[in-house]
Amino acid sequence: MRVQDIISKKRDGFSLSPEEIHAFIQKFTNGGIPDYQAAAWLMAVFIRGMDEKETAALTDSLAASGKMLDFSDMDNTVVDKHSTGGVGDKTTLILMPLMAAAGAVMGKMSGRGLGHTGGTIDKLSCIPGFRTDLTDSEFINLVRENGLAIMGQTPQMTPADGKLYALRDATATVESIPLIASSVMSKKIAAGAKGIVLDVKAGSGAFMRDEDDAIELARVMVSIGRTLGRRTHALITSMEQPLGNTVGNHIEVLEALETLRGEGPADLTELCLELGAELLAVSGLEQENSRARQLLQTLLIDGSALQAMRSLVAAQGGDASVIDYPEKIGEPKYSETIYSNTSGYISSIDARIVGRSAVLLGAGREKKEDLIDLFAGIRLYKKIGDRVREGEPLADLFANAKDKLVPATANFITAYSFRNTLPKTPPLLLARIN
């Protein structure tokens, strides 16, 4: 079959067969299709879309383009979780040990972050000695022996997705739900998970700002998972304000440890309980949401989740003493406190502006090769619905470079809006697809 025929078929609005999609992706991965033809195909997909069968076939082909991990010989279902990203989203740091304490088996493959802050791998690098550069065999053995492991994504997995994404970024075809969904799910499929929970964000600080678009993306990814034999659930959650009280890397690790002690912010704890309940459901351990939440709440309070975090850190070469003595991680050199210039109730906090402020402080990357300041970040003292008086502190900004504080501060103060009456707090959980 000719590449031109596949391109023109999709251009004209017809569905491609799984064989055509597989042949196209395989040939592109091997260098047999030039970028200009792949770009034409991406634009045809962007404009014409894909049906569920095509999207599942594309996902399967992307996953099969490189190494695929296999846990089929294990008695327990290996689960994984993915978030579409947001401001202050450190749920993975909490969910991994929480799931281990609950008896679930979790194999997590994560990347370094682009945008507001680093990714989970960046955050874990704040812990001295913690290794995420595991080989495939090390990762598989840790999952089998300890029921928990996390590693960084490798170029050997889903290489076709990496090549396609570079083209999508250059050809204005990133914002296509079939292409987004297949990219995300191909990594989960390749990593060997049989149960997948998706946290799809909607709101000012999310990739998908519109709630309906977020729901559609979640629906497509759940359909892909089911078609490819993975038990897949999705939550659509609000990103209208930062999650928890911290945005950064080092500072989010500290808040994750607080949450594992049962002392975390209410919204962060609530989201972890909801996502954790879904992970227990896809693992087959507990289908009843209320019972699952009660179990997880108990594990946070009685110290079991924190002990599982100690075990995870030790197993991957890290200094487990930082769990009890987090000050050993270090602290930033400079800080600036932002005070309110008005009195009233906080009616909104633009999460995108807060995220941009974190980038200005050095906590995030503009390009994937950028270095980040692990100690740069923001601690919020007030959230939507809180009453503040003029002169009260709203937040602290942190950085290791003093000159970054001024532009970040000027940007950050524009994120807040106030009103004289108590506003309605936006719900955290917007929809559930399971």
Protein backbone atom coordinates (compact mmCIF):
# COMPACT_ATOMS: atom_id res chain seq x y z
CA MET A 1 0.00 0.00 0.00
CA ARG A 2 1.31 3.42 -0.97
CA VAL A 3 1.83 6.14 1.62
CA GLN A 4 0.09 8.63 -0.69
CA ASP A 5 -3.02 6.44 -0.74
CA ILE A 6 -3.18 6.34 3.07
CA ILE A 7 -2.81 10.12 3.26
CA SER A 8 -5.44 10.80 0.61
CA LYS A 9 -7.87 8.30 2.15
CA LYS A 10 -7.78 10.09 5.48
CA ARG A 11 -7.79 13.50 3.76
CA ASP A 12 -11.04 12.56 2.04
CA GLY A 13 -12.68 11.58 5.30
CA PHE A 14 -12.54 7.77 5.12
CA SER A 15 -11.56 5.50 7.99
CA LEU A 16 -8.20 3.78 7.85
CA SER A 17 -7.93 0.07 8.59
CA PRO A 18 -5.74 -1.17 11.47
CA GLU A 19 -3.42 -2.69 8.85
CA GLU A 20 -3.00 0.65 7.07
CA ILE A 21 -2.31 2.48 10.33
CA HIS A 22 0.16 -0.14 11.50
CA ALA A 23 2.00 -0.12 8.18
CA PHE A 24 2.21 3.68 8.17
CA ILE A 25 3.55 3.91 11.76
CA GLN A 26 6.00 1.04 11.28
CA LYS A 27 7.40 2.54 8.07
CA PHE A 28 7.61 6.02 9.63
CA THR A 29 9.45 4.65 12.68
CA ASN A 30 11.99 2.91 10.47
CA GLY A 31 12.66 6.07 8.47
CA GLY A 32 10.80 4.94 5.37
CA ILE A 33 8.39 7.91 5.37
CA PRO A 34 9.80 11.44 5.14
CA ASP A 35 8.64 14.12 7.55
CA TYR A 36 6.69 16.03 4.88
CA GLN A 37 4.45 13.00 4.22
CA ALA A 38 4.01 12.30 7.93
CA ALA A 39 3.12 15.97 8.44
CA ALA A 40 0.50 15.75 5.68
CA TRP A 41 -1.00 12.68 7.35
CA LEU A 42 -1.07 14.42 10.74
CA MET A 43 -2.90 17.40 9.25
CA ALA A 44 -5.42 15.07 7.61
CA VAL A 45 -6.03 13.41 10.99
CA PHE A 46 -6.24 16.82 12.69
CA ILE A 47 -8.92 18.01 10.26
CA ARG A 48 -10.86 14.79 9.65
CA GLY A 49 -10.45 13.14 13.06
CA MET A 50 -10.43 9.43 13.81
CA ASP A 51 -13.10 7.04 14.97
CA GLU A 52 -12.60 4.88 18.05
CA LYS A 53 -11.37 1.86 16.09
CA GLU A 54 -8.76 3.96 14.27
CA THR A 55 -7.61 5.65 17.48
CA ALA A 56 -7.18 2.31 19.24
CA ALA A 57 -5.22 0.96 16.26
CA LEU A 58 -2.98 4.03 16.27
CA THR A 59 -2.35 3.61 20.01
CA ASP A 60 -1.50 -0.07 19.57
CA SER A 61 0.88 0.73 16.71
CA LEU A 62 2.65 3.48 18.69
CA ALA A 63 3.07 1.14 21.68
CA ALA A 64 4.41 -1.65 19.47
CA SER A 65 6.96 0.64 17.81
CA GLY A 66 9.45 0.02 20.64
CA LYS A 67 10.01 -2.02 23.79
CA MET A 68 6.93 -3.26 25.66
CA LEU A 69 7.03 -4.45 29.26
CA ASP A 70 5.11 -7.55 30.27
CA PHE A 71 3.69 -8.37 33.70
CA SER A 72 1.26 -11.03 32.48
CA ASP A 73 2.90 -13.71 34.65
CA MET A 74 1.99 -11.84 37.86
CA ASP A 75 -1.06 -12.86 39.85
CA ASN A 76 -1.93 -9.26 40.76
CA THR A 77 -3.03 -6.64 38.26
CA VAL A 78 -0.33 -4.01 37.71
CA VAL A 79 -1.89 -0.55 37.71
CA ASP A 80 -0.74 2.86 36.53
CA LYS A 81 -2.05 6.41 36.75
CA HIS A 82 -1.72 9.36 34.38
CA SER A 83 -2.52 13.02 34.85
CA THR A 84 -2.83 15.45 31.96
CA GLY A 85 -0.96 17.92 34.14
CA GLY A 86 -1.75 21.00 36.11
CA VAL A 87 -0.48 23.49 38.66
CA GLY A 88 0.57 21.91 41.95
CA ASP A 89 -0.30 18.36 40.89
CA LYS A 90 1.82 16.10 43.12
CA THR A 91 -0.71 13.27 43.46
CA THR A 92 1.63 10.59 42.07
CA LEU A 93 4.05 11.14 44.97
CA ILE A 94 1.21 10.29 47.37
CA LEU A 95 -0.62 7.62 45.40
CA MET A 96 2.39 5.36 44.80
CA PRO A 97 3.05 4.54 48.48
CA LEU A 98 -0.65 4.73 49.31
CA MET A 99 -1.43 2.04 46.74
CA ALA A 100 1.44 -0.14 47.99
CA ALA A 101 0.12 0.15 51.55
CA ALA A 102 -3.32 -0.90 50.30
CA GLY A 103 -1.92 -4.04 48.65
CA ALA A 104 -2.09 -2.88 45.04
CA VAL A 105 0.79 -3.37 42.58
CA MET A 106 1.86 -0.19 40.81
CA GLY A 107 4.44 0.20 38.08
CA LYS A 108 4.78 3.88 37.20
CA MET A 109 6.61 5.26 34.22
CA SER A 110 6.89 9.05 34.22
CA GLY A 111 8.65 11.81 32.38
CA ARG A 112 10.31 15.08 33.18
CA GLY A 113 8.00 18.04 33.03
CA LEU A 114 7.45 20.75 30.46
CA GLY A 115 5.56 23.79 31.66
CA HIS A 116 4.74 25.02 35.15
CA THR A 117 7.09 22.75 37.11
CA GLY A 118 9.09 19.59 36.68
CA GLY A 119 7.43 16.22 36.33
CA THR A 120 7.32 13.46 38.93
CA ILE A 121 10.85 12.38 37.97
CA ASP A 122 12.15 15.90 38.64
CA LYS A 123 10.39 16.03 41.98
CA LEU A 124 11.83 12.71 43.10
CA SER A 125 15.31 13.90 42.17
CA CYS A 126 15.04 16.24 45.17
CA ILE A 127 15.49 13.17 47.38
CA PRO A 128 19.23 12.44 47.69
CA GLY A 129 20.23 9.25 45.91
CA PHE A 130 16.77 8.38 44.53
CA ARG A 131 17.21 6.52 41.24
CA THR A 132 14.69 6.73 38.45
CA ASP A 133 17.16 5.78 35.69
CA LEU A 134 16.29 2.11 36.13
CA THR A 135 16.83 -0.49 33.44
CA ASP A 136 13.79 -2.37 32.25
CA SER A 137 14.83 -5.46 34.21
CA GLU A 138 15.42 -3.45 37.41
CA PHE A 139 12.00 -1.84 37.06
CA ILE A 140 10.25 -5.16 36.43
CA ASN A 141 12.02 -6.86 39.34
CA LEU A 142 11.11 -4.06 41.78
CA VAL A 143 7.46 -4.23 40.72
CA ARG A 144 7.46 -8.01 41.18
CA GLU A 145 9.34 -8.01 44.50
CA ASN A 146 8.01 -4.87 46.19
CA GLY A 147 4.76 -4.22 44.36
CA LEU A 148 5.92 -0.69 43.53
CA ALA A 149 8.47 1.06 41.31
CA ILE A 150 8.86 4.19 39.24
CA MET A 151 11.21 4.89 36.37
CA GLY A 152 11.81 7.57 33.78
CA GLN A 153 10.62 7.14 30.23
CA THR A 154 13.24 5.78 27.86
CA PRO A 155 13.76 6.48 24.13
CA GLN A 156 13.35 2.77 23.46
CA MET A 157 9.66 2.89 24.41
CA THR A 158 7.11 4.31 21.94
CA PRO A 159 9.77 5.86 19.66
CA ALA A 160 7.12 6.49 16.98
CA ASP A 161 5.22 8.68 19.43
CA GLY A 162 8.34 10.76 20.10
CA LYS A 163 8.92 11.29 16.38
CA LEU A 164 5.28 12.14 15.73
CA TYR A 165 5.07 14.54 18.65
CA ALA A 166 8.05 16.54 17.38
CA LEU A 167 6.22 16.91 14.06
CA ARG A 168 2.91 17.77 15.73
CA ASP A 169 4.61 20.54 17.67
CA ALA A 170 6.08 21.96 14.46
CA THR A 171 2.92 21.64 12.33
CA ALA A 172 0.22 23.00 14.70
CA THR A 173 -1.43 19.58 15.06
CA VAL A 174 -0.93 19.09 18.80
CA GLU A 175 -4.53 19.87 19.79
CA SER A 176 -6.18 16.82 18.25
CA ILE A 177 -8.03 14.54 20.65
CA PRO A 178 -7.24 11.28 18.75
CA LEU A 179 -3.54 12.23 18.59
CA ILE A 180 -3.42 13.31 22.25
CA ALA A 181 -5.29 10.23 23.44
CA SER A 182 -3.17 7.77 21.44
CA SER A 183 0.04 9.44 22.61
CA VAL A 184 -0.90 9.20 26.29
CA MET A 185 -2.33 5.69 26.14
CA SER A 186 0.49 4.22 24.04
CA LYS A 187 2.93 4.93 26.88
CA LYS A 188 0.63 3.29 29.43
CA ILE A 189 0.16 0.24 27.19
CA ALA A 190 3.91 -0.08 26.54
CA ALA A 191 4.67 0.14 30.27
CA GLY A 192 2.69 -3.05 30.87
CA ALA A 193 -0.16 -1.79 33.06
CA LYS A 194 -3.41 -3.76 32.94
CA GLY A 195 -5.38 -1.25 35.02
CA ILE A 196 -5.18 2.48 34.23
CA VAL A 197 -6.65 5.51 35.98
CA LEU A 198 -6.65 8.85 34.17
CA ASP A 199 -6.86 12.24 35.86
CA VAL A 200 -7.97 14.62 33.11
CA LYS A 201 -7.77 18.25 34.17
CA ALA A 202 -10.10 21.05 33.04
CA GLY A 203 -9.81 24.75 33.78
CA SER A 204 -7.48 27.73 33.54
CA GLY A 205 -4.37 25.78 34.58
CA ALA A 206 -5.08 22.71 32.45
CA PHE A 207 -4.04 21.65 28.98
CA MET A 208 -7.75 21.19 28.18
CA ARG A 209 -9.34 24.37 29.52
CA ASP A 210 -12.88 23.50 28.42
CA GLU A 211 -14.68 20.89 30.53
CA ASP A 212 -16.49 19.36 27.54
CA ASP A 213 -13.19 18.91 25.70
CA ALA A 214 -11.68 17.27 28.79
CA ILE A 215 -14.63 14.89 29.05
CA GLU A 216 -14.30 13.97 25.37
CA LEU A 217 -10.56 13.30 25.75
CA ALA A 218 -11.23 11.13 28.80
CA ARG A 219 -13.98 9.23 26.99
CA VAL A 220 -11.68 8.49 24.04
CA MET A 221 -8.83 7.31 26.28
CA VAL A 222 -11.15 5.05 28.30
CA SER A 223 -12.44 3.57 25.03
CA ILE A 224 -8.86 2.94 23.85
CA GLY A 225 -8.00 1.18 27.09
CA ARG A 226 -11.00 -1.09 26.94
CA THR A 227 -10.48 -1.91 23.27
CA LEU A 228 -6.88 -2.92 24.01
CA GLY A 229 -7.82 -5.04 27.02
CA ARG A 230 -6.98 -2.61 29.84
CA ARG A 231 -9.41 -1.82 32.62
CA THR A 232 -9.51 1.98 32.36
CA HIS A 233 -11.28 4.61 34.47
CA ALA A 234 -11.09 8.40 34.24
CA LEU A 235 -11.85 11.35 36.50
CA ILE A 236 -12.30 14.85 35.16
CA THR A 237 -11.03 17.23 37.86
CA SER A 238 -10.89 20.98 38.22
CA MET A 239 -7.75 23.01 37.62
CA GLU A 240 -9.33 26.43 38.12
CA GLN A 241 -6.91 27.01 41.00
CA PRO A 242 -3.67 25.28 42.04
CA LEU A 243 -4.01 21.88 43.67
CA GLY A 244 -2.94 21.93 47.31
CA ASN A 245 -0.94 24.82 48.70
CA THR A 246 2.38 24.41 46.87
CA VAL A 247 3.71 24.76 43.33
CA GLY A 248 7.28 23.71 42.55
CA ASN A 249 9.45 20.63 42.96
CA HIS A 250 11.16 20.51 46.35
CA ILE A 251 8.18 22.24 47.98
CA GLU A 252 5.69 19.78 46.44
CA VAL A 253 7.71 16.87 47.83
CA LEU A 254 7.38 18.42 51.29
CA GLU A 255 3.61 18.78 50.86
CA ALA A 256 3.32 15.20 49.60
CA LEU A 257 5.06 13.99 52.77
CA GLU A 258 2.66 16.09 54.88
CA THR A 259 -0.25 14.44 53.08
CA LEU A 260 1.20 10.96 53.65
CA ARG A 261 1.21 11.85 57.37
CA GLY A 262 -2.51 12.64 57.14
CA GLU A 263 -1.83 16.36 57.45
CA GLY A 264 -2.19 17.50 53.85
CA PRO A 265 -4.49 20.16 52.36
CA ALA A 266 -8.14 19.13 52.06
CA ASP A 267 -8.36 19.36 48.25
CA LEU A 268 -5.15 17.41 47.63
CA THR A 269 -6.15 14.71 50.12
CA GLU A 270 -9.63 14.47 48.60
CA LEU A 271 -8.30 14.01 45.07
CA CYS A 272 -5.83 11.35 46.21
CA LEU A 273 -8.64 9.45 47.92
CA GLU A 274 -10.77 9.59 44.77
CA LEU A 275 -7.95 8.55 42.44
CA GLY A 276 -6.82 5.90 44.91
CA ALA A 277 -10.32 4.44 45.07
CA GLU A 278 -10.36 4.17 41.27
CA LEU A 279 -6.93 2.50 41.29
CA LEU A 280 -8.20 -0.07 43.78
CA ALA A 281 -11.21 -0.65 41.52
CA VAL A 282 -9.16 -1.26 38.36
CA SER A 283 -6.80 -3.50 40.37
CA GLY A 284 -9.79 -5.64 41.38
CA LEU A 285 -9.17 -5.15 45.12
CA GLU A 286 -12.16 -2.98 46.05
CA GLN A 287 -15.06 -1.93 43.84
CA GLU A 288 -17.07 0.00 46.44
CA ASN A 289 -15.91 3.63 46.41
CA SER A 290 -16.85 4.45 49.99
CA ARG A 291 -15.07 1.38 51.42
CA ALA A 292 -11.99 2.09 49.30
CA ARG A 293 -11.86 5.70 50.48
CA GLN A 294 -12.20 4.63 54.11
CA LEU A 295 -9.35 2.15 53.75
CA LEU A 296 -7.10 4.74 52.15
CA GLN A 297 -7.95 7.35 54.77
CA THR A 298 -6.97 4.88 57.48
CA LEU A 299 -3.64 4.17 55.76
CA LEU A 300 -2.84 7.88 55.72
CA ILE A 301 -3.67 8.30 59.40
CA ASP A 302 -2.04 5.16 60.85
CA GLY A 303 1.35 5.70 59.18
CA SER A 304 1.15 2.80 56.72
CA ALA A 305 1.38 5.03 53.64
CA LEU A 306 4.35 6.91 55.07
CA GLN A 307 6.14 3.62 55.80
CA ALA A 308 5.51 2.51 52.22
CA MET A 309 7.16 5.75 51.07
CA ARG A 310 10.22 4.94 53.19
CA SER A 311 10.39 1.52 51.56
CA LEU A 312 10.04 2.98 48.05
CA VAL A 313 12.83 5.51 48.62
CA ALA A 314 15.17 2.89 50.12
CA ALA A 315 14.45 0.35 47.35
CA GLN A 316 15.43 2.87 44.68
CA GLY A 317 18.65 3.98 46.35
CA GLY A 318 17.39 7.11 48.09
CA ASP A 319 18.06 8.42 51.60
CA ALA A 320 14.95 7.23 53.44
CA SER A 321 15.77 9.40 56.45
CA VAL A 322 14.41 12.44 54.56
CA ILE A 323 10.92 11.03 55.09
CA ASP A 324 11.23 11.83 58.79
CA TYR A 325 13.73 14.70 58.44
CA PRO A 326 12.62 16.52 55.27
CA GLU A 327 14.85 19.49 56.11
CA LYS A 328 17.73 17.31 54.87
CA ILE A 329 16.49 17.94 51.33
CA GLY A 330 17.63 21.56 51.66
CA GLU A 331 15.97 24.93 51.22
CA PRO A 332 15.98 27.84 48.74
CA LYS A 333 18.29 30.82 49.17
CA TYR A 334 15.77 33.59 48.60
CA SER A 335 12.10 34.22 49.30
CA GLU A 336 9.53 36.97 48.90
CA THR A 337 6.20 37.25 50.74
CA ILE A 338 3.23 38.58 48.76
CA TYR A 339 0.71 40.56 50.81
CA SER A 340 -2.88 41.33 49.92
CA ASN A 341 -3.55 44.93 48.90
CA THR A 342 -7.27 44.63 49.56
CA SER A 343 -9.79 43.04 51.94
CA GLY A 344 -12.53 40.61 50.99
CA TYR A 345 -13.05 37.05 49.80
CA ILE A 346 -10.87 35.45 47.14
CA SER A 347 -13.20 34.79 44.23
CA SER A 348 -10.70 33.28 41.81
CA ILE A 349 -7.03 32.34 41.44
CA ASP A 350 -5.93 31.99 37.82
CA ALA A 351 -3.96 28.74 37.94
CA ARG A 352 -2.27 29.48 34.61
CA ILE A 353 -0.84 32.75 35.96
CA VAL A 354 0.38 30.98 39.11
CA GLY A 355 2.00 28.33 36.93
CA ARG A 356 3.66 30.97 34.77
CA SER A 357 4.99 32.63 37.93
CA ALA A 358 6.56 29.32 38.94
CA VAL A 359 8.29 29.14 35.55
CA LEU A 360 9.60 32.69 36.00
CA LEU A 361 11.05 31.60 39.35
CA GLY A 362 12.86 28.75 37.56
CA ALA A 363 10.63 25.84 38.64
CA GLY A 364 9.60 24.81 35.13
CA ARG A 365 10.97 24.34 31.63
CA GLU A 366 10.20 26.30 28.49
CA LYS A 367 12.08 23.68 26.41
CA LYS A 368 12.84 20.07 27.31
CA GLU A 369 16.59 20.71 27.50
CA ASP A 370 16.22 23.56 30.01
CA LEU A 371 17.58 23.16 33.52
CA ILE A 372 15.20 23.81 36.41
CA ASP A 373 15.70 25.16 39.91
CA LEU A 374 14.39 22.39 42.14
CA PHE A 375 14.06 24.82 45.05
CA ALA A 376 12.05 27.44 43.16
CA GLY A 377 8.38 27.43 44.00
CA ILE A 378 5.33 28.99 45.61
CA ARG A 379 3.50 28.36 48.87
CA LEU A 380 -0.09 29.61 48.95
CA TYR A 381 -1.71 30.72 52.21
CA LYS A 382 -5.16 31.51 50.81
CA LYS A 383 -7.42 29.76 48.29
CA ILE A 384 -10.80 30.50 46.67
CA GLY A 385 -13.44 31.26 49.30
CA ASP A 386 -10.96 32.34 51.97
CA ARG A 387 -11.42 35.75 53.59
CA VAL A 388 -8.36 38.00 53.65
CA ARG A 389 -7.61 41.38 55.15
CA GLU A 390 -5.44 44.04 53.60
CA GLY A 391 -1.84 43.37 54.55
CA GLU A 392 -2.32 39.62 55.16
CA PRO A 393 0.13 37.28 53.39
CA LEU A 394 -1.20 35.55 50.27
CA ALA A 395 1.85 33.50 49.36
CA ASP A 396 5.61 33.04 49.60
CA LEU A 397 7.74 32.84 46.46
CA PHE A 398 11.07 30.97 46.53
CA ALA A 399 14.09 30.87 44.24
CA ASN A 400 17.83 30.30 44.24
CA ALA A 401 18.35 33.31 41.96
CA LYS A 402 17.31 36.60 43.57
CA ASP A 403 16.76 38.40 40.27
CA LYS A 404 13.92 36.01 39.39
CA LEU A 405 11.76 37.15 42.30
CA VAL A 406 10.85 40.57 40.89
CA PRO A 407 9.27 39.48 37.55
CA ALA A 408 7.64 36.47 39.18
CA THR A 409 6.10 38.65 41.90
CA ALA A 410 4.76 41.17 39.39
CA ASN A 411 3.15 38.33 37.43
CA PHE A 412 1.83 36.43 40.46
CA ILE A 413 -0.19 39.27 41.99
CA THR A 414 -2.38 39.45 38.87
CA ALA A 415 -3.70 35.92 39.50
CA TYR A 416 -6.05 36.92 42.33
CA SER A 417 -9.56 38.37 42.15
CA PHE A 418 -11.59 39.49 45.18
CA ARG A 419 -15.23 40.17 46.05
CA ASN A 420 -17.13 41.38 49.12
CA THR A 421 -19.39 38.33 49.48
CA LEU A 422 -18.54 34.68 49.94
CA PRO A 423 -18.06 33.06 46.47
CA LYS A 424 -19.01 29.57 45.47
CA THR A 425 -16.00 27.25 45.66
CA PRO A 426 -15.59 25.31 42.39
CA PRO A 427 -16.07 21.54 42.74
CA LEU A 428 -12.93 19.42 42.57
CA LEU A 429 -14.47 16.38 40.83
CA LEU A 430 -16.33 17.35 37.66
CA ALA A 431 -17.14 13.97 36.11
CA ARG A 432 -16.35 10.26 36.31
CA ILE A 433 -16.01 7.88 33.37
CA ASN A 434 -15.63 4.28 34.49
